[in-house]
PDB file of N, CA and C in Angstrom:
ATOM      1  N   MET A   1      48.968  87.778  99.325  1.00  0.00           N
ATOM      2  CA  MET A   1      49.656  86.963 100.314  1.00  0.00           C
ATOM      3  C   MET A   1      49.574  87.683 101.659  1.00  0.00           C
ATOM      4  N   SER A   2      49.142  86.967 102.652  1.00  0.00           N
ATOM      5  CA  SER A   2      48.992  87.562 103.978  1.00  0.00           C
ATOM      6  C   SER A   2      50.340  87.607 104.698  1.00  0.00           C
ATOM      7  N   LEU A   3      50.367  88.363 105.744  1.00  0.00           N
ATOM      8  CA  LEU A   3      51.590  88.480 106.551  1.00  0.00           C
ATOM      9  C   LEU A   3      51.967  87.126 107.150  1.00  0.00           C
ATOM     10  N   LEU A   4      50.986  86.367 107.564  1.00  0.00           N
ATOM     11  CA  LEU A   4      51.245  85.044 108.122  1.00  0.00           C
ATOM     12  C   LEU A   4      51.859  84.120 107.080  1.00  0.00           C
ATOM     13  N   ASP A   5      51.359  84.165 105.856  1.00  0.00           N
ATOM     14  CA  ASP A   5      51.922  83.349 104.768  1.00  0.00           C
ATOM     15  C   ASP A   5      53.375  83.732 104.496  1.00  0.00           C
ATOM     16  N   MET A   6      53.666  85.020 104.531  1.00  0.00           N
ATOM     17  CA  MET A   6      55.040  85.481 104.285  1.00  0.00           C
ATOM     18  C   MET A   6      55.988  84.991 105.383  1.00  0.00           C
ATOM     19  N   LEU A   7      55.506  84.926 106.604  1.00  0.00           N
ATOM     20  CA  LEU A   7      56.338  84.471 107.708  1.00  0.00           C
ATOM     21  C   LEU A   7      56.539  82.954 107.693  1.00  0.00           C
ATOM     22  N   LEU A   8      55.558  82.209 107.220  1.00  0.00           N
ATOM     23  CA  LEU A   8      55.644  80.746 107.195  1.00  0.00           C
ATOM     24  C   LEU A   8      56.372  80.204 105.973  1.00  0.00           C
ATOM     25  N   LYS A   9      56.468  80.973 104.923  1.00  0.00           N
ATOM     26  CA  LYS A   9      57.076  80.494 103.684  1.00  0.00           C
ATOM     27  C   LYS A   9      58.511  79.983 103.872  1.00  0.00           C
ATOM     28  N   PRO A  10      59.393  80.696 104.586  1.00  0.00           N
ATOM     29  CA  PRO A  10      60.760  80.167 104.775  1.00  0.00           C
ATOM     30  C   PRO A  10      60.794  78.835 105.520  1.00  0.00           C
ATOM     31  N   LEU A  11      59.839  78.609 106.393  1.00  0.00           N
ATOM     32  CA  LEU A  11      59.805  77.358 107.143  1.00  0.00           C
ATOM     33  C   LEU A  11      59.387  76.175 106.273  1.00  0.00           C
ATOM     34  N   GLN A  12      58.691  76.448 105.194  1.00  0.00           N
ATOM     35  CA  GLN A  12      58.201  75.391 104.318  1.00  0.00           C
ATOM     36  C   GLN A  12      59.158  75.082 103.169  1.00  0.00           C
ATOM     37  N   SER A  13      60.155  75.918 102.961  1.00  0.00           N
ATOM     38  CA  SER A  13      61.089  75.684 101.851  1.00  0.00           C
ATOM     39  C   SER A  13      62.198  74.730 102.278  1.00  0.00           C
ATOM     40  N   ARG A  14      62.854  74.156 101.299  1.00  0.00           N
ATOM     41  CA  ARG A  14      63.922  73.194 101.589  1.00  0.00           C
ATOM     42  C   ARG A  14      65.212  73.922 101.953  1.00  0.00           C
ATOM     43  N   VAL A  15      66.138  73.207 102.544  1.00  0.00           N
ATOM     44  CA  VAL A  15      67.430  73.758 102.948  1.00  0.00           C
ATOM     45  C   VAL A  15      68.271  73.998 101.694  1.00  0.00           C
ATOM     46  N   VAL A  16      68.879  75.163 101.586  1.00  0.00           N
ATOM     47  CA  VAL A  16      69.674  75.473 100.400  1.00  0.00           C
ATOM     48  C   VAL A  16      71.167  75.546 100.695  1.00  0.00           C
ATOM     49  N   THR A  17      71.556  75.352 101.931  1.00  0.00           N
ATOM     50  CA  THR A  17      72.984  75.361 102.261  1.00  0.00           C
ATOM     51  C   THR A  17      73.554  73.954 102.164  1.00  0.00           C
ATOM     52  N   ARG A  18      74.864  73.881 102.072  1.00  0.00           N
ATOM     53  CA  ARG A  18      75.552  72.589 101.974  1.00  0.00           C
ATOM     54  C   ARG A  18      76.536  72.450 103.122  1.00  0.00           C
ATOM     55  N   ARG A  19      76.888  71.238 103.390  1.00  0.00           N
ATOM     56  CA  ARG A  19      77.878  70.949 104.416  1.00  0.00           C
ATOM     57  C   ARG A  19      79.255  71.389 103.916  1.00  0.00           C
ATOM     58  N   TYR A  20      80.045  72.017 104.791  1.00  0.00           N
ATOM     59  CA  TYR A  20      81.405  72.413 104.440  1.00  0.00           C
ATOM     60  C   TYR A  20      82.388  71.619 105.275  1.00  0.00           C
ATOM     61  N   PRO A  21      83.412  71.111 104.708  1.00  0.00           N
ATOM     62  CA  PRO A  21      83.633  70.942 103.273  1.00  0.00           C
ATOM     63  C   PRO A  21      82.813  69.763 102.754  1.00  0.00           C
ATOM     64  N   PRO A  22      82.492  69.778 101.467  1.00  0.00           N
ATOM     65  CA  PRO A  22      81.678  68.683 100.933  1.00  0.00           C
ATOM     66  C   PRO A  22      82.408  67.344 100.980  1.00  0.00           C
ATOM     67  N   HIS A  23      83.716  67.376 100.978  1.00  0.00           N
ATOM     68  CA  HIS A  23      84.529  66.167 101.091  1.00  0.00           C
ATOM     69  C   HIS A  23      85.829  66.547 101.781  1.00  0.00           C
ATOM     70  N   THR A  24      86.513  65.593 102.310  1.00  0.00           N
ATOM     71  CA  THR A  24      87.761  65.858 103.014  1.00  0.00           C
ATOM     72  C   THR A  24      88.871  66.127 102.005  1.00  0.00           C
ATOM     73  N   ASP A  25      89.478  67.289 102.125  1.00  0.00           N
ATOM     74  CA  ASP A  25      90.595  67.621 101.250  1.00  0.00           C
ATOM     75  C   ASP A  25      91.881  67.076 101.849  1.00  0.00           C
ATOM     76  N   VAL A  26      92.721  66.549 100.997  1.00  0.00           N
ATOM     77  CA  VAL A  26      94.017  66.058 101.400  1.00  0.00           C
ATOM     78  C   VAL A  26      95.054  66.819 100.585  1.00  0.00           C
ATOM     79  N   PRO A  27      96.052  67.409 101.227  1.00  0.00           N
ATOM     80  CA  PRO A  27      97.039  68.156 100.457  1.00  0.00           C
ATOM     81  C   PRO A  27      97.813  67.245  99.508  1.00  0.00           C
ATOM     82  N   ASP A  28      98.238  67.816  98.391  1.00  0.00           N
ATOM     83  CA  ASP A  28      99.033  67.062  97.428  1.00  0.00           C
ATOM     84  C   ASP A  28     100.347  66.638  98.052  1.00  0.00           C
ATOM     85  N   ARG A  29     100.924  65.570  97.529  1.00  0.00           N
ATOM     86  CA  ARG A  29     102.252  65.158  98.001  1.00  0.00           C
ATOM     87  C   ARG A  29     103.239  66.283  97.729  1.00  0.00           C
ATOM     88  N   GLY A  30     104.154  66.439  98.612  1.00  0.00           N
ATOM     89  CA  GLY A  30     105.150  67.490  98.453  1.00  0.00           C
ATOM     90  C   GLY A  30     104.725  68.813  99.061  1.00  0.00           C
ATOM     91  N   ARG A  31     103.481  68.942  99.468  1.00  0.00           N
ATOM     92  CA  ARG A  31     103.018  70.167 100.114  1.00  0.00           C
ATOM     93  C   ARG A  31     103.062  69.972 101.617  1.00  0.00           C
ATOM     94  N   ARG A  32     103.437  71.019 102.302  1.00  0.00           N
ATOM     95  CA  ARG A  32     103.531  70.947 103.749  1.00  0.00           C
ATOM     96  C   ARG A  32     102.308  71.569 104.387  1.00  0.00           C
ATOM     97  N   GLY A  33     101.892  71.003 105.490  1.00  0.00           N
ATOM     98  CA  GLY A  33     100.828  71.604 106.280  1.00  0.00           C
ATOM     99  C   GLY A  33     101.437  72.513 107.326  1.00  0.00           C
ATOM    100  N   THR A  34     100.694  72.793 108.349  1.00  0.00           N
ATOM    101  CA  THR A  34     101.160  73.710 109.381  1.00  0.00           C
ATOM    102  C   THR A  34     102.274  73.084 110.216  1.00  0.00           C
ATOM    103  N   PRO A  35     103.277  73.863 110.562  1.00  0.00           N
ATOM    104  CA  PRO A  35     104.301  73.362 111.482  1.00  0.00           C
ATOM    105  C   PRO A  35     103.699  73.174 112.872  1.00  0.00           C
ATOM    106  N   GLN A  36     104.020  72.075 113.515  1.00  0.00           N
ATOM    107  CA  GLN A  36     103.522  71.781 114.850  1.00  0.00           C
ATOM    108  C   GLN A  36     104.711  71.551 115.780  1.00  0.00           C
ATOM    109  N   LEU A  37     104.699  72.235 116.925  1.00  0.00           N
ATOM    110  CA  LEU A  37     105.771  72.080 117.901  1.00  0.00           C
ATOM    111  C   LEU A  37     105.430  70.961 118.872  1.00  0.00           C
ATOM    112  N   GLN A  38     106.438  70.182 119.211  1.00  0.00           N
ATOM    113  CA  GLN A  38     106.340  69.195 120.277  1.00  0.00           C
ATOM    114  C   GLN A  38     107.160  69.758 121.440  1.00  0.00           C
ATOM    115  N   PRO A  39     106.507  70.483 122.349  1.00  0.00           N
ATOM    116  CA  PRO A  39     107.242  71.225 123.382  1.00  0.00           C
ATOM    117  C   PRO A  39     108.150  70.375 124.251  1.00  0.00           C
ATOM    118  N   GLU A  40     107.814  69.115 124.453  1.00  0.00           N
ATOM    119  CA  GLU A  40     108.648  68.262 125.305  1.00  0.00           C
ATOM    120  C   GLU A  40     110.004  67.967 124.662  1.00  0.00           C
ATOM    121  N   ARG A  41     110.128  68.134 123.356  1.00  0.00           N
ATOM    122  CA  ARG A  41     111.391  67.888 122.668  1.00  0.00           C
ATOM    123  C   ARG A  41     112.204  69.166 122.441  1.00  0.00           C
ATOM    124  N   CYS A  42     111.566  70.322 122.596  1.00  0.00           N
ATOM    125  CA  CYS A  42     112.203  71.600 122.273  1.00  0.00           C
ATOM    126  C   CYS A  42     113.275  71.956 123.298  1.00  0.00           C
ATOM    127  N   ASP A  43     114.441  72.402 122.810  1.00  0.00           N
ATOM    128  CA  ASP A  43     115.517  72.845 123.698  1.00  0.00           C
ATOM    129  C   ASP A  43     115.639  74.376 123.727  1.00  0.00           C
ATOM    130  N   ALA A  44     114.710  75.066 123.064  1.00  0.00           N
ATOM    131  CA  ALA A  44     114.660  76.533 123.032  1.00  0.00           C
ATOM    132  C   ALA A  44     115.930  77.154 122.468  1.00  0.00           C
ATOM    133  N   SER A  45     116.556  76.494 121.509  1.00  0.00           N
ATOM    134  CA  SER A  45     117.769  77.030 120.888  1.00  0.00           C
ATOM    135  C   SER A  45     117.472  78.190 119.946  1.00  0.00           C
ATOM    136  N   ALA A  46     116.232  78.329 119.513  1.00  0.00           N
ATOM    137  CA  ALA A  46     115.770  79.397 118.621  1.00  0.00           C
ATOM    138  C   ALA A  46     116.345  79.296 117.213  1.00  0.00           C
ATOM    139  N   ASP A  47     116.861  78.129 116.833  1.00  0.00           N
ATOM    140  CA  ASP A  47     117.327  77.941 115.460  1.00  0.00           C
ATOM    141  C   ASP A  47     116.172  78.095 114.480  1.00  0.00           C
ATOM    142  N   CYS A  48     114.988  77.665 114.878  1.00  0.00           N
ATOM    143  CA  CYS A  48     113.812  77.772 114.012  1.00  0.00           C
ATOM    144  C   CYS A  48     113.457  79.236 113.762  1.00  0.00           C
ATOM    145  N   ALA A  49     113.524  80.058 114.798  1.00  0.00           N
ATOM    146  CA  ALA A  49     113.209  81.478 114.652  1.00  0.00           C
ATOM    147  C   ALA A  49     114.232  82.172 113.755  1.00  0.00           C
ATOM    148  N   ALA A  50     115.490  81.786 113.881  1.00  0.00           N
ATOM    149  CA  ALA A  50     116.529  82.391 113.045  1.00  0.00           C
ATOM    150  C   ALA A  50     116.374  82.000 111.582  1.00  0.00           C
ATOM    151  N   ALA A  51     115.884  80.798 111.320  1.00  0.00           N
ATOM    152  CA  ALA A  51     115.745  80.318 109.950  1.00  0.00           C
ATOM    153  C   ALA A  51     114.468  80.790 109.269  1.00  0.00           C
ATOM    154  N   CYS A  52     113.496  81.263 110.027  1.00  0.00           N
ATOM    155  CA  CYS A  52     112.193  81.649 109.466  1.00  0.00           C
ATOM    156  C   CYS A  52     112.326  82.913 108.623  1.00  0.00           C
ATOM    157  N   PRO A  53     111.997  82.842 107.322  1.00  0.00           N
ATOM    158  CA  PRO A  53     112.173  84.009 106.452  1.00  0.00           C
ATOM    159  C   PRO A  53     111.172  85.137 106.709  1.00  0.00           C
ATOM    160  N   THR A  54     110.062  84.860 107.372  1.00  0.00           N
ATOM    161  CA  THR A  54     109.048  85.885 107.616  1.00  0.00           C
ATOM    162  C   THR A  54     108.939  86.289 109.082  1.00  0.00           C
ATOM    163  N   SER A  55     109.832  85.785 109.915  1.00  0.00           N
ATOM    164  CA  SER A  55     109.817  86.051 111.363  1.00  0.00           C
ATOM    165  C   SER A  55     108.490  85.645 111.998  1.00  0.00           C
ATOM    166  N   ALA A  56     107.918  84.548 111.533  1.00  0.00           N
ATOM    167  CA  ALA A  56     106.657  84.049 112.080  1.00  0.00           C
ATOM    168  C   ALA A  56     106.857  83.355 113.415  1.00  0.00           C
ATOM    169  N   ILE A  57     108.088  82.940 113.711  1.00  0.00           N
ATOM    170  CA  ILE A  57     108.381  82.235 114.963  1.00  0.00           C
ATOM    171  C   ILE A  57     109.144  83.161 115.900  1.00  0.00           C
ATOM    172  N   SER A  58     108.708  83.175 117.157  1.00  0.00           N
ATOM    173  CA  SER A  58     109.453  83.928 118.162  1.00  0.00           C
ATOM    174  C   SER A  58     109.725  83.010 119.346  1.00  0.00           C
ATOM    175  N   VAL A  59     110.913  83.139 119.900  1.00  0.00           N
ATOM    176  CA  VAL A  59     111.324  82.352 121.062  1.00  0.00           C
ATOM    177  C   VAL A  59     111.859  83.351 122.076  1.00  0.00           C
ATOM    178  N   GLU A  60     111.160  83.471 123.217  1.00  0.00           N
ATOM    179  CA  GLU A  60     111.531  84.465 124.221  1.00  0.00           C
ATOM    180  C   GLU A  60     111.656  83.810 125.585  1.00  0.00           C
ATOM    181  N   GLY A  61     112.766  84.091 126.244  1.00  0.00           N
ATOM    182  CA  GLY A  61     112.978  83.581 127.592  1.00  0.00           C
ATOM    183  C   GLY A  61     112.156  84.349 128.606  1.00  0.00           C
ATOM    184  N   ARG A  62     111.782  83.669 129.691  1.00  0.00           N
ATOM    185  CA  ARG A  62     111.041  84.304 130.778  1.00  0.00           C
ATOM    186  C   ARG A  62     111.902  84.308 132.027  1.00  0.00           C
ATOM    187  N   ALA A  63     111.505  85.096 132.987  1.00  0.00           N
ATOM    188  CA  ALA A  63     112.260  85.223 134.243  1.00  0.00           C
ATOM    189  C   ALA A  63     112.329  83.914 135.017  1.00  0.00           C
ATOM    190  N   ASP A  64     111.324  83.050 134.853  1.00  0.00           N
ATOM    191  CA  ASP A  64     111.317  81.785 135.592  1.00  0.00           C
ATOM    192  C   ASP A  64     112.195  80.713 134.950  1.00  0.00           C
ATOM    193  N   GLY A  65     112.880  81.055 133.869  1.00  0.00           N
ATOM    194  CA  GLY A  65     113.769  80.112 133.202  1.00  0.00           C
ATOM    195  C   GLY A  65     113.107  79.342 132.070  1.00  0.00           C
ATOM    196  N   ASN A  66     111.794  79.385 131.994  1.00  0.00           N
ATOM    197  CA  ASN A  66     111.088  78.742 130.888  1.00  0.00           C
ATOM    198  C   ASN A  66     111.121  79.643 129.665  1.00  0.00           C
ATOM    199  N   THR A  67     110.687  79.140 128.547  1.00  0.00           N
ATOM    200  CA  THR A  67     110.712  79.875 127.290  1.00  0.00           C
ATOM    201  C   THR A  67     109.336  79.857 126.647  1.00  0.00           C
ATOM    202  N   VAL A  68     108.939  80.983 126.056  1.00  0.00           N
ATOM    203  CA  VAL A  68     107.682  81.065 125.320  1.00  0.00           C
ATOM    204  C   VAL A  68     108.011  80.953 123.837  1.00  0.00           C
ATOM    205  N   TRP A  69     107.459  79.935 123.199  1.00  0.00           N
ATOM    206  CA  TRP A  69     107.639  79.698 121.767  1.00  0.00           C
ATOM    207  C   TRP A  69     106.311  80.015 121.096  1.00  0.00           C
ATOM    208  N   ALA A  70     106.322  80.879 120.071  1.00  0.00           N
ATOM    209  CA  ALA A  70     105.075  81.257 119.403  1.00  0.00           C
ATOM    210  C   ALA A  70     105.258  81.212 117.891  1.00  0.00           C
ATOM    211  N   LEU A  71     104.229  80.740 117.206  1.00  0.00           N
ATOM    212  CA  LEU A  71     104.214  80.687 115.742  1.00  0.00           C
ATOM    213  C   LEU A  71     102.964  81.395 115.253  1.00  0.00           C
ATOM    214  N   ASP A  72     103.163  82.434 114.463  1.00  0.00           N
ATOM    215  CA  ASP A  72     102.059  83.198 113.880  1.00  0.00           C
ATOM    216  C   ASP A  72     101.758  82.611 112.505  1.00  0.00           C
ATOM    217  N   TYR A  73     100.667  81.843 112.415  1.00  0.00           N
ATOM    218  CA  TYR A  73     100.310  81.217 111.142  1.00  0.00           C
ATOM    219  C   TYR A  73      99.895  82.241 110.094  1.00  0.00           C
ATOM    220  N   GLY A  74      99.551  83.448 110.521  1.00  0.00           N
ATOM    221  CA  GLY A  74      99.228  84.517 109.575  1.00  0.00           C
ATOM    222  C   GLY A  74     100.456  84.989 108.817  1.00  0.00           C
ATOM    223  N   LEU A  75     101.630  84.813 109.385  1.00  0.00           N
ATOM    224  CA  LEU A  75     102.883  85.201 108.727  1.00  0.00           C
ATOM    225  C   LEU A  75     103.598  84.019 108.069  1.00  0.00           C
ATOM    226  N   CYS A  76     103.303  82.816 108.520  1.00  0.00           N
ATOM    227  CA  CYS A  76     103.997  81.616 108.043  1.00  0.00           C
ATOM    228  C   CYS A  76     103.702  81.359 106.562  1.00  0.00           C
ATOM    229  N   VAL A  77     104.747  81.035 105.800  1.00  0.00           N
ATOM    230  CA  VAL A  77     104.583  80.691 104.379  1.00  0.00           C
ATOM    231  C   VAL A  77     104.766  79.197 104.148  1.00  0.00           C
ATOM    232  N   PHE A  78     104.848  78.415 105.224  1.00  0.00           N
ATOM    233  CA  PHE A  78     104.916  76.954 105.169  1.00  0.00           C
ATOM    234  C   PHE A  78     106.088  76.454 104.320  1.00  0.00           C
ATOM    235  N   CYS A  79     107.228  77.127 104.462  1.00  0.00           N
ATOM    236  CA  CYS A  79     108.414  76.755 103.683  1.00  0.00           C
ATOM    237  C   CYS A  79     109.102  75.513 104.253  1.00  0.00           C
ATOM    238  N   GLY A  80     108.931  75.241 105.542  1.00  0.00           N
ATOM    239  CA  GLY A  80     109.524  74.064 106.159  1.00  0.00           C
ATOM    240  C   GLY A  80     110.937  74.256 106.674  1.00  0.00           C
ATOM    241  N   ARG A  81     111.464  75.464 106.612  1.00  0.00           N
ATOM    242  CA  ARG A  81     112.833  75.690 107.108  1.00  0.00           C
ATOM    243  C   ARG A  81     112.946  75.403 108.600  1.00  0.00           C
ATOM    244  N   CYS A  82     111.913  75.745 109.358  1.00  0.00           N
ATOM    245  CA  CYS A  82     111.954  75.500 110.804  1.00  0.00           C
ATOM    246  C   CYS A  82     112.043  74.002 111.089  1.00  0.00           C
ATOM    247  N   VAL A  83     111.363  73.207 110.294  1.00  0.00           N
ATOM    248  CA  VAL A  83     111.398  71.751 110.460  1.00  0.00           C
ATOM    249  C   VAL A  83     112.795  71.225 110.166  1.00  0.00           C
ATOM    250  N   GLU A  84     113.416  71.765 109.122  1.00  0.00           N
ATOM    251  CA  GLU A  84     114.734  71.294 108.686  1.00  0.00           C
ATOM    252  C   GLU A  84     115.849  71.640 109.663  1.00  0.00           C
ATOM    253  N   VAL A  85     115.773  72.809 110.305  1.00  0.00           N
ATOM    254  CA  VAL A  85     116.900  73.263 111.130  1.00  0.00           C
ATOM    255  C   VAL A  85     116.795  72.899 112.602  1.00  0.00           C
ATOM    256  N   CYS A  86     115.653  72.429 113.054  1.00  0.00           N
ATOM    257  CA  CYS A  86     115.491  72.131 114.473  1.00  0.00           C
ATOM    258  C   CYS A  86     116.419  70.981 114.881  1.00  0.00           C
ATOM    259  N   PRO A  87     117.365  71.231 115.815  1.00  0.00           N
ATOM    260  CA  PRO A  87     118.323  70.192 116.182  1.00  0.00           C
ATOM    261  C   PRO A  87     117.692  69.016 116.937  1.00  0.00           C
ATOM    262  N   LYS A  88     116.579  69.236 117.589  1.00  0.00           N
ATOM    263  CA  LYS A  88     115.914  68.182 118.366  1.00  0.00           C
ATOM    264  C   LYS A  88     114.705  67.590 117.647  1.00  0.00           C
ATOM    265  N   GLN A  89     114.466  68.024 116.413  1.00  0.00           N
ATOM    266  CA  GLN A  89     113.306  67.583 115.621  1.00  0.00           C
ATOM    267  C   GLN A  89     112.014  67.771 116.412  1.00  0.00           C
ATOM    268  N   ALA A  90     111.916  68.943 117.048  1.00  0.00           N
ATOM    269  CA  ALA A  90     110.747  69.270 117.856  1.00  0.00           C
ATOM    270  C   ALA A  90     109.627  69.873 117.020  1.00  0.00           C
ATOM    271  N   ILE A  91     109.899  70.191 115.760  1.00  0.00           N
ATOM    272  CA  ILE A  91     108.879  70.751 114.876  1.00  0.00           C
ATOM    273  C   ILE A  91     108.660  69.778 113.727  1.00  0.00           C
ATOM    274  N   ALA A  92     107.392  69.519 113.440  1.00  0.00           N
ATOM    275  CA  ALA A  92     107.043  68.626 112.340  1.00  0.00           C
ATOM    276  C   ALA A  92     105.962  69.287 111.497  1.00  0.00           C
ATOM    277  N   ALA A  93     105.992  69.024 110.189  1.00  0.00           N
ATOM    278  CA  ALA A  93     104.943  69.533 109.305  1.00  0.00           C
ATOM    279  C   ALA A  93     103.746  68.596 109.407  1.00  0.00           C
ATOM    280  N   SER A  94     102.614  69.150 109.750  1.00  0.00           N
ATOM    281  CA  SER A  94     101.404  68.333 109.909  1.00  0.00           C
ATOM    282  C   SER A  94     100.626  68.291 108.603  1.00  0.00           C
ATOM    283  N   ALA A  95      99.521  67.581 108.617  1.00  0.00           N
ATOM    284  CA  ALA A  95      98.635  67.526 107.453  1.00  0.00           C
ATOM    285  C   ALA A  95      97.572  68.624 107.513  1.00  0.00           C
ATOM    286  N   GLU A  96      97.562  69.410 108.591  1.00  0.00           N
ATOM    287  CA  GLU A  96      96.587  70.502 108.734  1.00  0.00           C
ATOM    288  C   GLU A  96      96.942  71.636 107.783  1.00  0.00           C
ATOM    289  N   PHE A  97      95.933  72.186 107.106  1.00  0.00           N
ATOM    290  CA  PHE A  97      96.207  73.313 106.231  1.00  0.00           C
ATOM    291  C   PHE A  97      95.072  74.320 106.181  1.00  0.00           C
ATOM    292  N   GLU A  98      93.958  74.039 106.801  1.00  0.00           N
ATOM    293  CA  GLU A  98      92.867  75.004 106.858  1.00  0.00           C
ATOM    294  C   GLU A  98      93.000  75.802 108.148  1.00  0.00           C
ATOM    295  N   LEU A  99      93.178  77.098 108.007  1.00  0.00           N
ATOM    296  CA  LEU A  99      93.475  77.933 109.166  1.00  0.00           C
ATOM    297  C   LEU A  99      92.483  79.067 109.358  1.00  0.00           C
ATOM    298  N   ALA A 100      91.255  78.900 108.947  1.00  0.00           N
ATOM    299  CA  ALA A 100      90.275  79.965 109.086  1.00  0.00           C
ATOM    300  C   ALA A 100      90.035  80.271 110.564  1.00  0.00           C
ATOM    301  N   ALA A 101      89.957  81.556 110.878  1.00  0.00           N
ATOM    302  CA  ALA A 101      89.702  81.988 112.247  1.00  0.00           C
ATOM    303  C   ALA A 101      88.974  83.324 112.209  1.00  0.00           C
ATOM    304  N   ARG A 102      88.246  83.600 113.231  1.00  0.00           N
ATOM    305  CA  ARG A 102      87.506  84.868 113.304  1.00  0.00           C
ATOM    306  C   ARG A 102      88.313  85.976 113.982  1.00  0.00           C
ATOM    307  N   ARG A 103      89.263  85.594 114.823  1.00  0.00           N
ATOM    308  CA  ARG A 103      90.060  86.586 115.532  1.00  0.00           C
ATOM    309  C   ARG A 103      91.536  86.391 115.209  1.00  0.00           C
ATOM    310  N   ARG A 104      92.273  87.475 115.151  1.00  0.00           N
ATOM    311  CA  ARG A 104      93.691  87.444 114.811  1.00  0.00           C
ATOM    312  C   ARG A 104      94.486  86.577 115.778  1.00  0.00           C
ATOM    313  N   GLU A 105      94.186  86.652 117.058  1.00  0.00           N
ATOM    314  CA  GLU A 105      94.942  85.889 118.047  1.00  0.00           C
ATOM    315  C   GLU A 105      94.712  84.381 117.933  1.00  0.00           C
ATOM    316  N   ASP A 106      93.684  83.971 117.206  1.00  0.00           N
ATOM    317  CA  ASP A 106      93.415  82.541 117.030  1.00  0.00           C
ATOM    318  C   ASP A 106      94.341  81.876 116.015  1.00  0.00           C
ATOM    319  N   VAL A 107      95.126  82.655 115.286  1.00  0.00           N
ATOM    320  CA  VAL A 107      96.066  82.062 114.330  1.00  0.00           C
ATOM    321  C   VAL A 107      97.499  82.098 114.856  1.00  0.00           C
ATOM    322  N   VAL A 108      97.650  82.316 116.144  1.00  0.00           N
ATOM    323  CA  VAL A 108      98.970  82.297 116.776  1.00  0.00           C
ATOM    324  C   VAL A 108      99.008  81.130 117.758  1.00  0.00           C
ATOM    325  N   ALA A 109      99.921  80.198 117.516  1.00  0.00           N
ATOM    326  CA  ALA A 109     100.100  79.051 118.419  1.00  0.00           C
ATOM    327  C   ALA A 109     101.207  79.406 119.404  1.00  0.00           C
ATOM    328  N   THR A 110     100.926  79.265 120.691  1.00  0.00           N
ATOM    329  CA  THR A 110     101.885  79.615 121.733  1.00  0.00           C
ATOM    330  C   THR A 110     102.065  78.430 122.676  1.00  0.00           C
ATOM    331  N   PHE A 111     103.326  78.147 122.997  1.00  0.00           N
ATOM    332  CA  PHE A 111     103.653  77.056 123.918  1.00  0.00           C
ATOM    333  C   PHE A 111     104.669  77.538 124.941  1.00  0.00           C
ATOM    334  N   ILE A 112     104.576  76.994 126.140  1.00  0.00           N
ATOM    335  CA  ILE A 112     105.587  77.223 127.167  1.00  0.00           C
ATOM    336  C   ILE A 112     106.537  76.044 127.110  1.00  0.00           C
ATOM    337  N   VAL A 113     107.809  76.306 126.828  1.00  0.00           N
ATOM    338  CA  VAL A 113     108.825  75.265 126.808  1.00  0.00           C
ATOM    339  C   VAL A 113     109.470  75.263 128.179  1.00  0.00           C
ATOM    340  N   ARG A 114     109.260  74.204 128.921  1.00  0.00           N
ATOM    341  CA  ARG A 114     109.759  74.096 130.287  1.00  0.00           C
ATOM    342  C   ARG A 114     111.247  73.762 130.270  1.00  0.00           C
ATOM    343  N   ARG A 115     111.963  74.411 131.158  1.00  0.00           N
ATOM    344  CA  ARG A 115     113.409  74.121 131.273  1.00  0.00           C
ATOM    345  C   ARG A 115     113.581  72.755 131.908  1.00  0.00           C
ATOM    346  N   ASN A 116     114.620  72.107 131.539  1.00  0.00           N
ATOM    347  CA  ASN A 116     114.930  70.787 132.105  1.00  0.00           C
ATOM    348  C   ASN A 116     115.603  70.994 133.462  1.00  0.00           C
ATOM    349  N   THR A 117     115.021  70.391 134.488  1.00  0.00           N
ATOM    350  CA  THR A 117     115.628  70.528 135.816  1.00  0.00           C
ATOM    351  C   THR A 117     115.978  69.179 136.371  1.00  0.00           C
TER     352      THR A 117
END
């Protein structure tokens, strides 16, 4: 086999990879997806952060009066306590459950909660 034949062989073979995912996965009933914040409804009471058993949620005030709300999906166990305790129903469990990321900071959702003026 010549060097040219060795170089052309991969181009002549069929594709061996498959599309991911092969079909759309839907979580079973009773399972929660990722918590999603609706910042316009949030009152920054931090009840969600207090209820989180893994401290995945942080709520920090800023000097400008606004609040930074952050959820670390790497720490979240999807228990739904934050959804249950939010007085303004600003957090909802979504149908999203695939959280693959290449960088650690890509699994942290951060929102600026604007103060009501």
